[in-house]
Structures are given as C-alpha cells and as structure tokens.
Amino acid sequence: MSPIKQDRLSPRTRVQAQIIFKIPTEKIKDKFLTFTSENLSESGAFLKVSESKLPFKVGTDLDLLFSLPKFPALIRAKAKVIWTTEGWSKDPEGVNGFGIKFVEISDEFRQMIRRFVSENVNG
C-alpha cells in the first residue's frame, strides 16, 4: 500500500480529547453529538466515528465546543468538513471518520491549540 501524501499547513499531534459539536438543525434545537479526535492542529482535526455510516458530508458547516487536556478553557470555533473516509477501502486499523478545518476561531484559541500541539508533538 502506498502512503498517502499529506500536505499539512501546521504541525499536528495525536490527541484523545472529547470534541462536542453543536449541530444546527431546524427540527431539533441544540442537538449535540460527541466525537473523539484522532489528531489536532491549529488548522483542524480528524474525528473518529465508531459507526460505519458517517454523520456528515464534505462541505458541512459545524459549530463546535471542545477543551484540551490541562487547558481549562472551553474552545469555540466554526469548522467545515473537508474530507471523510467514506468510500475508502477498509483501513487495517478500522479508523473511520472525517477531517475538519477551522474556518472561524479566535486568535486566543488558535494560540492555545498551537501551544498544546508544540508541547505534545510526536515524531
């Protein structure tokens, strides 16, 4: 299997943090879904899904709240789903999920993520 080329805009680190998405919907007010992140950077994250059916399509806009280990602040951001594992052949580790890009996030929160990543970056 050939490796997938990854063009990262910023360093990223593997992290196990609960990220809670507030999903805007007309039918159910303030519906929340919870996902675990596989990795995180100041520009986005990959979120794991345990079910085979993915809850979002590429292009979906999300409002999200999350916190980082050892950082008490609740980070608020807007993100867009930029890719999913849908249609890929089965990953040997069974990782299923979607990648998000932060499209609106305060400088303070972005710096907090940058600091967290630099302190936890893995080779």
PDB file of N, CA and C in Angstrom:
ATOM      1  N   MET A   1       0.853  -1.170   0.000  1.00  0.00           N
ATOM      2  CA  MET A   1       0.000   0.000   0.000  1.00  0.00           C
ATOM      3  C   MET A   1       0.902   1.237   0.000  1.00  0.00           C
ATOM      4  N   SER A   2       0.650   2.164  -0.886  1.00  0.00           N
ATOM      5  CA  SER A   2       1.474   3.370  -0.933  1.00  0.00           C
ATOM      6  C   SER A   2       0.972   4.385   0.084  1.00  0.00           C
ATOM      7  N   PRO A   3       1.906   5.134   0.697  1.00  0.00           N
ATOM      8  CA  PRO A   3       1.494   6.118   1.698  1.00  0.00           C
ATOM      9  C   PRO A   3       0.731   7.265   1.054  1.00  0.00           C
ATOM     10  N   ILE A   4      -0.188   7.831   1.799  1.00  0.00           N
ATOM     11  CA  ILE A   4      -0.954   8.981   1.326  1.00  0.00           C
ATOM     12  C   ILE A   4      -0.127  10.229   1.587  1.00  0.00           C
ATOM     13  N   LYS A   5       0.051  11.052   0.544  1.00  0.00           N
ATOM     14  CA  LYS A   5       0.794  12.287   0.714  1.00  0.00           C
ATOM     15  C   LYS A   5      -0.066  13.260   1.513  1.00  0.00           C
ATOM     16  N   GLN A   6       0.506  13.822   2.554  1.00  0.00           N
ATOM     17  CA  GLN A   6      -0.237  14.739   3.401  1.00  0.00           C
ATOM     18  C   GLN A   6       0.461  16.087   3.403  1.00  0.00           C
ATOM     19  N   ASP A   7      -0.224  17.101   2.896  1.00  0.00           N
ATOM     20  CA  ASP A   7       0.303  18.457   2.890  1.00  0.00           C
ATOM     21  C   ASP A   7      -0.308  19.207   4.063  1.00  0.00           C
ATOM     22  N   ARG A   8       0.412  19.264   5.155  1.00  0.00           N
ATOM     23  CA  ARG A   8      -0.080  19.899   6.364  1.00  0.00           C
ATOM     24  C   ARG A   8       0.293  21.376   6.367  1.00  0.00           C
ATOM     25  N   LEU A   9      -0.636  22.218   6.732  1.00  0.00           N
ATOM     26  CA  LEU A   9      -0.369  23.639   6.860  1.00  0.00           C
ATOM     27  C   LEU A   9       0.265  23.972   8.189  1.00  0.00           C
ATOM     28  N   SER A  10       0.044  23.114   9.180  1.00  0.00           N
ATOM     29  CA  SER A  10       0.587  23.360  10.513  1.00  0.00           C
ATOM     30  C   SER A  10       0.850  22.026  11.197  1.00  0.00           C
ATOM     31  N   PRO A  11       1.777  22.029  12.171  1.00  0.00           N
ATOM     32  CA  PRO A  11       2.066  20.782  12.892  1.00  0.00           C
ATOM     33  C   PRO A  11       0.806  20.240  13.565  1.00  0.00           C
ATOM     34  N   ARG A  12       0.768  18.927  13.717  1.00  0.00           N
ATOM     35  CA  ARG A  12      -0.391  18.311  14.365  1.00  0.00           C
ATOM     36  C   ARG A  12       0.095  17.260  15.318  1.00  0.00           C
ATOM     37  N   THR A  13      -0.733  16.951  16.312  1.00  0.00           N
ATOM     38  CA  THR A  13      -0.382  15.922  17.281  1.00  0.00           C
ATOM     39  C   THR A  13      -1.572  14.997  17.476  1.00  0.00           C
ATOM     40  N   ARG A  14      -1.252  13.733  17.774  1.00  0.00           N
ATOM     41  CA  ARG A  14      -2.318  12.784  18.122  1.00  0.00           C
ATOM     42  C   ARG A  14      -2.836  13.198  19.495  1.00  0.00           C
ATOM     43  N   VAL A  15      -4.125  13.192  19.642  1.00  0.00           N
ATOM     44  CA  VAL A  15      -4.714  13.586  20.915  1.00  0.00           C
ATOM     45  C   VAL A  15      -6.024  12.839  21.105  1.00  0.00           C
ATOM     46  N   GLN A  16      -6.285  12.440  22.318  1.00  0.00           N
ATOM     47  CA  GLN A  16      -7.567  11.833  22.649  1.00  0.00           C
ATOM     48  C   GLN A  16      -8.335  12.846  23.492  1.00  0.00           C
ATOM     49  N   ALA A  17      -9.156  13.628  22.859  1.00  0.00           N
ATOM     50  CA  ALA A  17      -9.939  14.654  23.556  1.00  0.00           C
ATOM     51  C   ALA A  17     -11.368  14.593  23.052  1.00  0.00           C
ATOM     52  N   GLN A  18     -12.299  14.774  23.927  1.00  0.00           N
ATOM     53  CA  GLN A  18     -13.693  14.806  23.515  1.00  0.00           C
ATOM     54  C   GLN A  18     -13.982  16.148  22.848  1.00  0.00           C
ATOM     55  N   ILE A  19     -14.535  16.095  21.666  1.00  0.00           N
ATOM     56  CA  ILE A  19     -14.924  17.304  20.965  1.00  0.00           C
ATOM     57  C   ILE A  19     -16.432  17.217  20.751  1.00  0.00           C
ATOM     58  N   ILE A  20     -17.128  18.211  21.255  1.00  0.00           N
ATOM     59  CA  ILE A  20     -18.590  18.204  21.200  1.00  0.00           C
ATOM     60  C   ILE A  20     -19.051  19.184  20.137  1.00  0.00           C
ATOM     61  N   PHE A  21     -19.831  18.701  19.185  1.00  0.00           N
ATOM     62  CA  PHE A  21     -20.331  19.529  18.106  1.00  0.00           C
ATOM     63  C   PHE A  21     -21.767  19.946  18.362  1.00  0.00           C
ATOM     64  N   LYS A  22     -22.018  21.218  18.227  1.00  0.00           N
ATOM     65  CA  LYS A  22     -23.391  21.720  18.259  1.00  0.00           C
ATOM     66  C   LYS A  22     -23.839  21.773  16.810  1.00  0.00           C
ATOM     67  N   ILE A  23     -24.824  20.973  16.486  1.00  0.00           N
ATOM     68  CA  ILE A  23     -25.257  20.848  15.104  1.00  0.00           C
ATOM     69  C   ILE A  23     -26.526  21.654  14.883  1.00  0.00           C
ATOM     70  N   PRO A  24     -26.422  22.695  14.073  1.00  0.00           N
ATOM     71  CA  PRO A  24     -27.620  23.486  13.789  1.00  0.00           C
ATOM     72  C   PRO A  24     -28.630  22.653  12.999  1.00  0.00           C
ATOM     73  N   THR A  25     -29.854  22.618  13.458  1.00  0.00           N
ATOM     74  CA  THR A  25     -30.900  21.892  12.760  1.00  0.00           C
ATOM     75  C   THR A  25     -32.220  22.600  12.984  1.00  0.00           C
ATOM     76  N   GLU A  26     -33.081  22.538  11.994  1.00  0.00           N
ATOM     77  CA  GLU A  26     -34.386  23.184  12.126  1.00  0.00           C
ATOM     78  C   GLU A  26     -35.338  22.345  12.969  1.00  0.00           C
ATOM     79  N   LYS A  27     -35.143  21.012  12.952  1.00  0.00           N
ATOM     80  CA  LYS A  27     -36.082  20.118  13.631  1.00  0.00           C
ATOM     81  C   LYS A  27     -35.784  19.947  15.112  1.00  0.00           C
ATOM     82  N   ILE A  28     -34.502  19.845  15.474  1.00  0.00           N
ATOM     83  CA  ILE A  28     -34.142  19.609  16.869  1.00  0.00           C
ATOM     84  C   ILE A  28     -33.235  20.736  17.328  1.00  0.00           C
ATOM     85  N   LYS A  29     -33.703  21.523  18.266  1.00  0.00           N
ATOM     86  CA  LYS A  29     -32.932  22.663  18.754  1.00  0.00           C
ATOM     87  C   LYS A  29     -31.760  22.191  19.609  1.00  0.00           C
ATOM     88  N   ASP A  30     -30.580  22.715  19.323  1.00  0.00           N
ATOM     89  CA  ASP A  30     -29.367  22.440  20.099  1.00  0.00           C
ATOM     90  C   ASP A  30     -29.077  20.951  20.274  1.00  0.00           C
ATOM     91  N   LYS A  31     -29.106  20.204  19.183  1.00  0.00           N
ATOM     92  CA  LYS A  31     -28.740  18.791  19.220  1.00  0.00           C
ATOM     93  C   LYS A  31     -27.220  18.686  19.286  1.00  0.00           C
ATOM     94  N   PHE A  32     -26.703  17.838  20.178  1.00  0.00           N
ATOM     95  CA  PHE A  32     -25.267  17.671  20.351  1.00  0.00           C
ATOM     96  C   PHE A  32     -24.845  16.245  20.027  1.00  0.00           C
ATOM     97  N   LEU A  33     -23.744  16.107  19.309  1.00  0.00           N
ATOM     98  CA  LEU A  33     -23.101  14.822  19.084  1.00  0.00           C
ATOM     99  C   LEU A  33     -21.683  14.929  19.621  1.00  0.00           C
ATOM    100  N   THR A  34     -21.118  13.833  20.116  1.00  0.00           N
ATOM    101  CA  THR A  34     -19.773  13.837  20.686  1.00  0.00           C
ATOM    102  C   THR A  34     -18.878  12.886  19.903  1.00  0.00           C
ATOM    103  N   PHE A  35     -17.692  13.359  19.551  1.00  0.00           N
ATOM    104  CA  PHE A  35     -16.709  12.569  18.818  1.00  0.00           C
ATOM    105  C   PHE A  35     -15.362  12.681  19.502  1.00  0.00           C
ATOM    106  N   THR A  36     -14.509  11.672  19.327  1.00  0.00           N
ATOM    107  CA  THR A  36     -13.153  11.694  19.858  1.00  0.00           C
ATOM    108  C   THR A  36     -12.205  12.050  18.732  1.00  0.00           C
ATOM    109  N   SER A  37     -11.300  12.984  19.009  1.00  0.00           N
ATOM    110  CA  SER A  37     -10.343  13.380  17.976  1.00  0.00           C
ATOM    111  C   SER A  37      -9.199  12.386  17.906  1.00  0.00           C
ATOM    112  N   GLU A  38      -8.728  12.149  16.710  1.00  0.00           N
ATOM    113  CA  GLU A  38      -7.568  11.293  16.473  1.00  0.00           C
ATOM    114  C   GLU A  38      -6.303  12.141  16.451  1.00  0.00           C
ATOM    115  N   ASN A  39      -6.402  13.324  15.866  1.00  0.00           N
ATOM    116  CA  ASN A  39      -5.279  14.257  15.866  1.00  0.00           C
ATOM    117  C   ASN A  39      -5.820  15.675  15.779  1.00  0.00           C
ATOM    118  N   LEU A  40      -4.934  16.637  16.066  1.00  0.00           N
ATOM    119  CA  LEU A  40      -5.358  18.029  16.167  1.00  0.00           C
ATOM    120  C   LEU A  40      -4.220  18.941  15.732  1.00  0.00           C
ATOM    121  N   SER A  41      -4.573  20.004  15.039  1.00  0.00           N
ATOM    122  CA  SER A  41      -3.620  21.069  14.712  1.00  0.00           C
ATOM    123  C   SER A  41      -4.361  22.385  14.881  1.00  0.00           C
ATOM    124  N   GLU A  42      -3.652  23.492  14.757  1.00  0.00           N
ATOM    125  CA  GLU A  42      -4.321  24.787  14.879  1.00  0.00           C
ATOM    126  C   GLU A  42      -5.247  25.050  13.695  1.00  0.00           C
ATOM    127  N   SER A  43      -5.118  24.273  12.624  1.00  0.00           N
ATOM    128  CA  SER A  43      -5.985  24.485  11.472  1.00  0.00           C
ATOM    129  C   SER A  43      -7.138  23.491  11.378  1.00  0.00           C
ATOM    130  N   GLY A  44      -7.106  22.393  12.160  1.00  0.00           N
ATOM    131  CA  GLY A  44      -8.202  21.439  12.078  1.00  0.00           C
ATOM    132  C   GLY A  44      -7.947  20.176  12.877  1.00  0.00           C
ATOM    133  N   ALA A  45      -8.757  19.151  12.602  1.00  0.00           N
ATOM    134  CA  ALA A  45      -8.663  17.894  13.338  1.00  0.00           C
ATOM    135  C   ALA A  45      -9.261  16.764  12.520  1.00  0.00           C
ATOM    136  N   PHE A  46      -8.920  15.531  12.915  1.00  0.00           N
ATOM    137  CA  PHE A  46      -9.578  14.346  12.382  1.00  0.00           C
ATOM    138  C   PHE A  46     -10.380  13.736  13.516  1.00  0.00           C
ATOM    139  N   LEU A  47     -11.647  13.477  13.270  1.00  0.00           N
ATOM    140  CA  LEU A  47     -12.540  12.957  14.298  1.00  0.00           C
ATOM    141  C   LEU A  47     -12.997  11.552  13.938  1.00  0.00           C
ATOM    142  N   LYS A  48     -12.847  10.643  14.896  1.00  0.00           N
ATOM    143  CA  LYS A  48     -13.212   9.246  14.685  1.00  0.00           C
ATOM    144  C   LYS A  48     -14.713   9.048  14.866  1.00  0.00           C
ATOM    145  N   VAL A  49     -15.228   8.098  14.097  1.00  0.00           N
ATOM    146  CA  VAL A  49     -16.630   7.700  14.171  1.00  0.00           C
ATOM    147  C   VAL A  49     -16.642   6.192  14.375  1.00  0.00           C
ATOM    148  N   SER A  50     -17.400   5.707  15.352  1.00  0.00           N
ATOM    149  CA  SER A  50     -17.425   4.273  15.609  1.00  0.00           C
ATOM    150  C   SER A  50     -18.386   3.527  14.674  1.00  0.00           C
ATOM    151  N   GLU A  51     -19.376   4.202  14.153  1.00  0.00           N
ATOM    152  CA  GLU A  51     -20.328   3.571  13.236  1.00  0.00           C
ATOM    153  C   GLU A  51     -19.767   3.609  11.820  1.00  0.00           C
ATOM    154  N   SER A  52     -20.259   2.718  10.959  1.00  0.00           N
ATOM    155  CA  SER A  52     -19.785   2.718   9.573  1.00  0.00           C
ATOM    156  C   SER A  52     -20.392   3.877   8.777  1.00  0.00           C
ATOM    157  N   LYS A  53     -21.579   4.334   9.160  1.00  0.00           N
ATOM    158  CA  LYS A  53     -22.204   5.459   8.465  1.00  0.00           C
ATOM    159  C   LYS A  53     -21.718   6.768   9.084  1.00  0.00           C
ATOM    160  N   LEU A  54     -21.208   7.643   8.240  1.00  0.00           N
ATOM    161  CA  LEU A  54     -20.699   8.925   8.724  1.00  0.00           C
ATOM    162  C   LEU A  54     -21.843   9.925   8.882  1.00  0.00           C
ATOM    163  N   PRO A  55     -21.806  10.745   9.935  1.00  0.00           N
ATOM    164  CA  PRO A  55     -22.908  11.669  10.197  1.00  0.00           C
ATOM    165  C   PRO A  55     -22.882  12.938   9.346  1.00  0.00           C
ATOM    166  N   PHE A  56     -21.752  13.227   8.682  1.00  0.00           N
ATOM    167  CA  PHE A  56     -21.624  14.463   7.916  1.00  0.00           C
ATOM    168  C   PHE A  56     -21.028  14.203   6.544  1.00  0.00           C
ATOM    169  N   LYS A  57     -21.369  15.042   5.610  1.00  0.00           N
ATOM    170  CA  LYS A  57     -20.805  15.005   4.262  1.00  0.00           C
ATOM    171  C   LYS A  57     -19.768  16.102   4.126  1.00  0.00           C
ATOM    172  N   VAL A  58     -18.892  15.971   3.156  1.00  0.00           N
ATOM    173  CA  VAL A  58     -17.922  17.017   2.852  1.00  0.00           C
ATOM    174  C   VAL A  58     -18.685  18.310   2.555  1.00  0.00           C
ATOM    175  N   GLY A  59     -18.210  19.403   3.131  1.00  0.00           N
ATOM    176  CA  GLY A  59     -18.851  20.699   2.930  1.00  0.00           C
ATOM    177  C   GLY A  59     -19.781  21.109   4.062  1.00  0.00           C
ATOM    178  N   THR A  60     -20.088  20.198   4.984  1.00  0.00           N
ATOM    179  CA  THR A  60     -20.969  20.516   6.108  1.00  0.00           C
ATOM    180  C   THR A  60     -20.290  21.512   7.050  1.00  0.00           C
ATOM    181  N   ASP A  61     -21.018  22.562   7.433  1.00  0.00           N
ATOM    182  CA  ASP A  61     -20.513  23.539   8.404  1.00  0.00           C
ATOM    183  C   ASP A  61     -20.923  23.098   9.800  1.00  0.00           C
ATOM    184  N   LEU A  62     -20.003  23.236  10.755  1.00  0.00           N
ATOM    185  CA  LEU A  62     -20.244  22.807  12.130  1.00  0.00           C
ATOM    186  C   LEU A  62     -19.865  23.904  13.108  1.00  0.00           C
ATOM    187  N   ASP A  63     -20.649  24.046  14.160  1.00  0.00           N
ATOM    188  CA  ASP A  63     -20.282  24.859  15.317  1.00  0.00           C
ATOM    189  C   ASP A  63     -19.790  23.864  16.352  1.00  0.00           C
ATOM    190  N   LEU A  64     -18.647  24.152  16.973  1.00  0.00           N
ATOM    191  CA  LEU A  64     -18.138  23.173  17.911  1.00  0.00           C
ATOM    192  C   LEU A  64     -17.576  23.790  19.172  1.00  0.00           C
ATOM    193  N   LEU A  65     -17.578  22.973  20.196  1.00  0.00           N
ATOM    194  CA  LEU A  65     -17.014  23.302  21.504  1.00  0.00           C
ATOM    195  C   LEU A  65     -16.099  22.155  21.880  1.00  0.00           C
ATOM    196  N   PHE A  66     -14.914  22.469  22.430  1.00  0.00           N
ATOM    197  CA  PHE A  66     -14.047  21.413  22.941  1.00  0.00           C
ATOM    198  C   PHE A  66     -13.039  22.012  23.893  1.00  0.00           C
ATOM    199  N   SER A  67     -12.450  21.149  24.693  1.00  0.00           N
ATOM    200  CA  SER A  67     -11.392  21.593  25.585  1.00  0.00           C
ATOM    201  C   SER A  67     -10.204  20.663  25.407  1.00  0.00           C
ATOM    202  N   LEU A  68      -9.040  21.160  25.762  1.00  0.00           N
ATOM    203  CA  LEU A  68      -7.799  20.398  25.636  1.00  0.00           C
ATOM    204  C   LEU A  68      -7.359  19.916  27.006  1.00  0.00           C
ATOM    205  N   PRO A  69      -6.729  18.741  27.073  1.00  0.00           N
ATOM    206  CA  PRO A  69      -6.209  18.272  28.356  1.00  0.00           C
ATOM    207  C   PRO A  69      -5.278  19.325  28.972  1.00  0.00           C
ATOM    208  N   LYS A  70      -5.456  19.579  30.246  1.00  0.00           N
ATOM    209  CA  LYS A  70      -4.654  20.531  31.029  1.00  0.00           C
ATOM    210  C   LYS A  70      -4.903  21.998  30.664  1.00  0.00           C
ATOM    211  N   PHE A  71      -5.891  22.276  29.822  1.00  0.00           N
ATOM    212  CA  PHE A  71      -6.289  23.646  29.496  1.00  0.00           C
ATOM    213  C   PHE A  71      -7.752  23.791  29.900  1.00  0.00           C
ATOM    214  N   PRO A  72      -8.067  24.650  30.863  1.00  0.00           N
ATOM    215  CA  PRO A  72      -9.432  24.732  31.366  1.00  0.00           C
ATOM    216  C   PRO A  72     -10.424  25.422  30.426  1.00  0.00           C
ATOM    217  N   ALA A  73      -9.943  26.195  29.458  1.00  0.00           N
ATOM    218  CA  ALA A  73     -10.842  26.983  28.607  1.00  0.00           C
ATOM    219  C   ALA A  73     -11.667  26.087  27.685  1.00  0.00           C
ATOM    220  N   LEU A  74     -12.912  26.502  27.464  1.00  0.00           N
ATOM    221  CA  LEU A  74     -13.776  25.846  26.500  1.00  0.00           C
ATOM    222  C   LEU A  74     -13.573  26.564  25.167  1.00  0.00           C
ATOM    223  N   ILE A  75     -13.033  25.865  24.189  1.00  0.00           N
ATOM    224  CA  ILE A  75     -12.742  26.456  22.883  1.00  0.00           C
ATOM    225  C   ILE A  75     -13.980  26.394  22.015  1.00  0.00           C
ATOM    226  N   ARG A  76     -14.303  27.530  21.418  1.00  0.00           N
ATOM    227  CA  ARG A  76     -15.435  27.618  20.493  1.00  0.00           C
ATOM    228  C   ARG A  76     -14.890  27.947  19.119  1.00  0.00           C
ATOM    229  N   ALA A  77     -15.424  27.264  18.101  1.00  0.00           N
ATOM    230  CA  ALA A  77     -14.971  27.505  16.739  1.00  0.00           C
ATOM    231  C   ALA A  77     -16.047  27.080  15.752  1.00  0.00           C
ATOM    232  N   LYS A  78     -15.913  27.579  14.545  1.00  0.00           N
ATOM    233  CA  LYS A  78     -16.721  27.101  13.424  1.00  0.00           C
ATOM    234  C   LYS A  78     -15.773  26.318  12.539  1.00  0.00           C
ATOM    235  N   ALA A  79     -16.271  25.212  11.990  1.00  0.00           N
ATOM    236  CA  ALA A  79     -15.433  24.352  11.165  1.00  0.00           C
ATOM    237  C   ALA A  79     -16.235  23.874   9.965  1.00  0.00           C
ATOM    238  N   LYS A  80     -15.500  23.347   8.996  1.00  0.00           N
ATOM    239  CA  LYS A  80     -16.115  22.763   7.801  1.00  0.00           C
ATOM    240  C   LYS A  80     -15.530  21.368   7.621  1.00  0.00           C
ATOM    241  N   VAL A  81     -16.382  20.405   7.282  1.00  0.00           N
ATOM    242  CA  VAL A  81     -15.915  19.057   6.964  1.00  0.00           C
ATOM    243  C   VAL A  81     -15.244  19.138   5.597  1.00  0.00           C
ATOM    244  N   ILE A  82     -13.947  18.788   5.540  1.00  0.00           N
ATOM    245  CA  ILE A  82     -13.220  18.913   4.272  1.00  0.00           C
ATOM    246  C   ILE A  82     -12.894  17.561   3.633  1.00  0.00           C
ATOM    247  N   TRP A  83     -12.992  16.472   4.397  1.00  0.00           N
ATOM    248  CA  TRP A  83     -12.844  15.141   3.818  1.00  0.00           C
ATOM    249  C   TRP A  83     -13.410  14.102   4.778  1.00  0.00           C
ATOM    250  N   THR A  84     -13.743  12.937   4.237  1.00  0.00           N
ATOM    251  CA  THR A  84     -14.243  11.829   5.055  1.00  0.00           C
ATOM    252  C   THR A  84     -13.596  10.535   4.581  1.00  0.00           C
ATOM    253  N   THR A  85     -13.722   9.498   5.370  1.00  0.00           N
ATOM    254  CA  THR A  85     -13.216   8.185   4.980  1.00  0.00           C
ATOM    255  C   THR A  85     -14.234   7.427   4.138  1.00  0.00           C
ATOM    256  N   GLU A  86     -15.383   8.021   3.887  1.00  0.00           N
ATOM    257  CA  GLU A  86     -16.430   7.357   3.113  1.00  0.00           C
ATOM    258  C   GLU A  86     -15.908   6.990   1.725  1.00  0.00           C
ATOM    259  N   GLY A  87     -16.125   5.750   1.334  1.00  0.00           N
ATOM    260  CA  GLY A  87     -15.701   5.283   0.024  1.00  0.00           C
ATOM    261  C   GLY A  87     -14.280   4.752  -0.018  1.00  0.00           C
ATOM    262  N   TRP A  88     -13.536   4.896   1.066  1.00  0.00           N
ATOM    263  CA  TRP A  88     -12.185   4.359   1.114  1.00  0.00           C
ATOM    264  C   TRP A  88     -12.256   2.858   1.339  1.00  0.00           C
ATOM    265  N   SER A  89     -11.214   2.165   0.937  1.00  0.00           N
ATOM    266  CA  SER A  89     -11.153   0.739   1.276  1.00  0.00           C
ATOM    267  C   SER A  89     -10.974   0.637   2.788  1.00  0.00           C
ATOM    268  N   LYS A  90     -11.271  -0.493   3.342  1.00  0.00           N
ATOM    269  CA  LYS A  90     -11.193  -0.675   4.796  1.00  0.00           C
ATOM    270  C   LYS A  90      -9.778  -0.414   5.303  1.00  0.00           C
ATOM    271  N   ASP A  91      -9.665   0.458   6.266  1.00  0.00           N
ATOM    272  CA  ASP A  91      -8.377   0.749   6.901  1.00  0.00           C
ATOM    273  C   ASP A  91      -8.026  -0.431   7.797  1.00  0.00           C
ATOM    274  N   PRO A  92      -6.757  -0.876   7.799  1.00  0.00           N
ATOM    275  CA  PRO A  92      -6.396  -2.027   8.643  1.00  0.00           C
ATOM    276  C   PRO A  92      -6.665  -1.797  10.126  1.00  0.00           C
ATOM    277  N   GLU A  93      -6.635  -0.552  10.568  1.00  0.00           N
ATOM    278  CA  GLU A  93      -6.912  -0.251  11.976  1.00  0.00           C
ATOM    279  C   GLU A  93      -8.388   0.040  12.213  1.00  0.00           C
ATOM    280  N   GLY A  94      -9.171   0.051  11.171  1.00  0.00           N
ATOM    281  CA  GLY A  94     -10.590   0.296  11.306  1.00  0.00           C
ATOM    282  C   GLY A  94     -10.951   1.735  11.645  1.00  0.00           C
ATOM    283  N   VAL A  95     -10.080   2.690  11.299  1.00  0.00           N
ATOM    284  CA  VAL A  95     -10.362   4.090  11.611  1.00  0.00           C
ATOM    285  C   VAL A  95     -11.344   4.643  10.588  1.00  0.00           C
ATOM    286  N   ASN A  96     -12.426   5.170  11.078  1.00  0.00           N
ATOM    287  CA  ASN A  96     -13.463   5.746  10.236  1.00  0.00           C
ATOM    288  C   ASN A  96     -13.758   7.134  10.789  1.00  0.00           C
ATOM    289  N   GLY A  97     -13.918   8.128   9.927  1.00  0.00           N
ATOM    290  CA  GLY A  97     -14.206   9.453  10.442  1.00  0.00           C
ATOM    291  C   GLY A  97     -14.142  10.534   9.390  1.00  0.00           C
ATOM    292  N   PHE A  98     -13.880  11.759   9.860  1.00  0.00           N
ATOM    293  CA  PHE A  98     -13.884  12.902   8.956  1.00  0.00           C
ATOM    294  C   PHE A  98     -12.912  13.973   9.428  1.00  0.00           C
ATOM    295  N   GLY A  99     -12.360  14.686   8.463  1.00  0.00           N
ATOM    296  CA  GLY A  99     -11.435  15.771   8.753  1.00  0.00           C
ATOM    297  C   GLY A  99     -12.159  17.097   8.716  1.00  0.00           C
ATOM    298  N   ILE A 100     -11.842  17.952   9.683  1.00  0.00           N
ATOM    299  CA  ILE A 100     -12.451  19.275   9.728  1.00  0.00           C
ATOM    300  C   ILE A 100     -11.365  20.344   9.644  1.00  0.00           C
ATOM    301  N   LYS A 101     -11.746  21.478   9.087  1.00  0.00           N
ATOM    302  CA  LYS A 101     -10.880  22.649   9.032  1.00  0.00           C
ATOM    303  C   LYS A 101     -11.564  23.749   9.819  1.00  0.00           C
ATOM    304  N   PHE A 102     -10.815  24.372  10.737  1.00  0.00           N
ATOM    305  CA  PHE A 102     -11.376  25.504  11.472  1.00  0.00           C
ATOM    306  C   PHE A 102     -11.495  26.687  10.511  1.00  0.00           C
ATOM    307  N   VAL A 103     -12.691  27.235  10.389  1.00  0.00           N
ATOM    308  CA  VAL A 103     -12.889  28.376   9.495  1.00  0.00           C
ATOM    309  C   VAL A 103     -13.077  29.679  10.264  1.00  0.00           C
ATOM    310  N   GLU A 104     -13.511  29.575  11.519  1.00  0.00           N
ATOM    311  CA  GLU A 104     -13.613  30.739  12.406  1.00  0.00           C
ATOM    312  C   GLU A 104     -13.197  30.293  13.799  1.00  0.00           C
ATOM    313  N   ILE A 105     -12.092  30.898  14.276  1.00  0.00           N
ATOM    314  CA  ILE A 105     -11.607  30.595  15.614  1.00  0.00           C
ATOM    315  C   ILE A 105     -10.817  31.812  16.086  1.00  0.00           C
ATOM    316  N   SER A 106     -10.964  32.171  17.332  1.00  0.00           N
ATOM    317  CA  SER A 106     -10.274  33.362  17.822  1.00  0.00           C
ATOM    318  C   SER A 106      -8.764  33.133  17.863  1.00  0.00           C
ATOM    319  N   ASP A 107      -8.010  34.217  17.782  1.00  0.00           N
ATOM    320  CA  ASP A 107      -6.553  34.119  17.869  1.00  0.00           C
ATOM    321  C   ASP A 107      -6.129  33.487  19.192  1.00  0.00           C
ATOM    322  N   GLU A 108      -6.844  33.830  20.263  1.00  0.00           N
ATOM    323  CA  GLU A 108      -6.526  33.269  21.581  1.00  0.00           C
ATOM    324  C   GLU A 108      -6.661  31.751  21.571  1.00  0.00           C
ATOM    325  N   PHE A 109      -7.755  31.232  21.000  1.00  0.00           N
ATOM    326  CA  PHE A 109      -7.965  29.790  20.952  1.00  0.00           C
ATOM    327  C   PHE A 109      -6.960  29.125  20.008  1.00  0.00           C
ATOM    328  N   ARG A 110      -6.660  29.762  18.880  1.00  0.00           N
ATOM    329  CA  ARG A 110      -5.688  29.209  17.938  1.00  0.00           C
ATOM    330  C   ARG A 110      -4.305  29.103  18.605  1.00  0.00           C
ATOM    331  N   GLN A 111      -3.922  30.130  19.365  1.00  0.00           N
ATOM    332  CA  GLN A 111      -2.643  30.106  20.074  1.00  0.00           C
ATOM    333  C   GLN A 111      -2.629  29.012  21.141  1.00  0.00           C
ATOM    334  N   MET A 112      -3.759  28.806  21.793  1.00  0.00           N
ATOM    335  CA  MET A 112      -3.862  27.750  22.801  1.00  0.00           C
ATOM    336  C   MET A 112      -3.633  26.381  22.151  1.00  0.00           C
ATOM    337  N   ILE A 113      -4.233  26.158  20.989  1.00  0.00           N
ATOM    338  CA  ILE A 113      -4.051  24.896  20.271  1.00  0.00           C
ATOM    339  C   ILE A 113      -2.595  24.768  19.823  1.00  0.00           C
ATOM    340  N   ARG A 114      -2.026  25.853  19.295  1.00  0.00           N
ATOM    341  CA  ARG A 114      -0.626  25.834  18.847  1.00  0.00           C
ATOM    342  C   ARG A 114       0.294  25.428  19.995  1.00  0.00           C
ATOM    343  N   ARG A 115       0.056  26.010  21.165  1.00  0.00           N
ATOM    344  CA  ARG A 115       0.875  25.689  22.339  1.00  0.00           C
ATOM    345  C   ARG A 115       0.709  24.222  22.734  1.00  0.00           C
ATOM    346  N   PHE A 116      -0.533  23.753  22.763  1.00  0.00           N
ATOM    347  CA  PHE A 116      -0.802  22.369  23.110  1.00  0.00           C
ATOM    348  C   PHE A 116      -0.091  21.418  22.137  1.00  0.00           C
ATOM    349  N   VAL A 117      -0.194  21.698  20.845  1.00  0.00           N
ATOM    350  CA  VAL A 117       0.432  20.843  19.826  1.00  0.00           C
ATOM    351  C   VAL A 117       1.945  20.846  19.999  1.00  0.00           C
ATOM    352  N   SER A 118       2.543  22.047  20.189  1.00  0.00           N
ATOM    353  CA  SER A 118       4.010  22.103  20.315  1.00  0.00           C
ATOM    354  C   SER A 118       4.501  21.352  21.550  1.00  0.00           C
ATOM    355  N   GLU A 119       3.692  21.334  22.609  1.00  0.00           N
ATOM    356  CA  GLU A 119       4.066  20.619  23.833  1.00  0.00           C
ATOM    357  C   GLU A 119       3.841  19.113  23.736  1.00  0.00           C
ATOM    358  N   ASN A 120       3.041  18.693  22.750  1.00  0.00           N
ATOM    359  CA  ASN A 120       2.667  17.284  22.642  1.00  0.00           C
ATOM    360  C   ASN A 120       2.995  16.667  21.286  1.00  0.00           C
ATOM    361  N   VAL A 121       3.741  17.365  20.453  1.00  0.00           N
ATOM    362  CA  VAL A 121       4.017  16.868  19.117  1.00  0.00           C
ATOM    363  C   VAL A 121       4.792  15.545  19.194  1.00  0.00           C
ATOM    364  N   ASN A 122       4.384  14.620  18.322  1.00  0.00           N
ATOM    365  CA  ASN A 122       5.068  13.323  18.287  1.00  0.00           C
ATOM    366  C   ASN A 122       5.740  13.163  16.929  1.00  0.00           C
ATOM    367  N   GLY A 123       6.863  12.513  16.944  1.00  0.00           N
ATOM    368  CA  GLY A 123       7.661  12.353  15.735  1.00  0.00           C
ATOM    369  C   GLY A 123       6.967  11.603  14.712  1.00  0.00           C
TER     370      GLY A 123
END
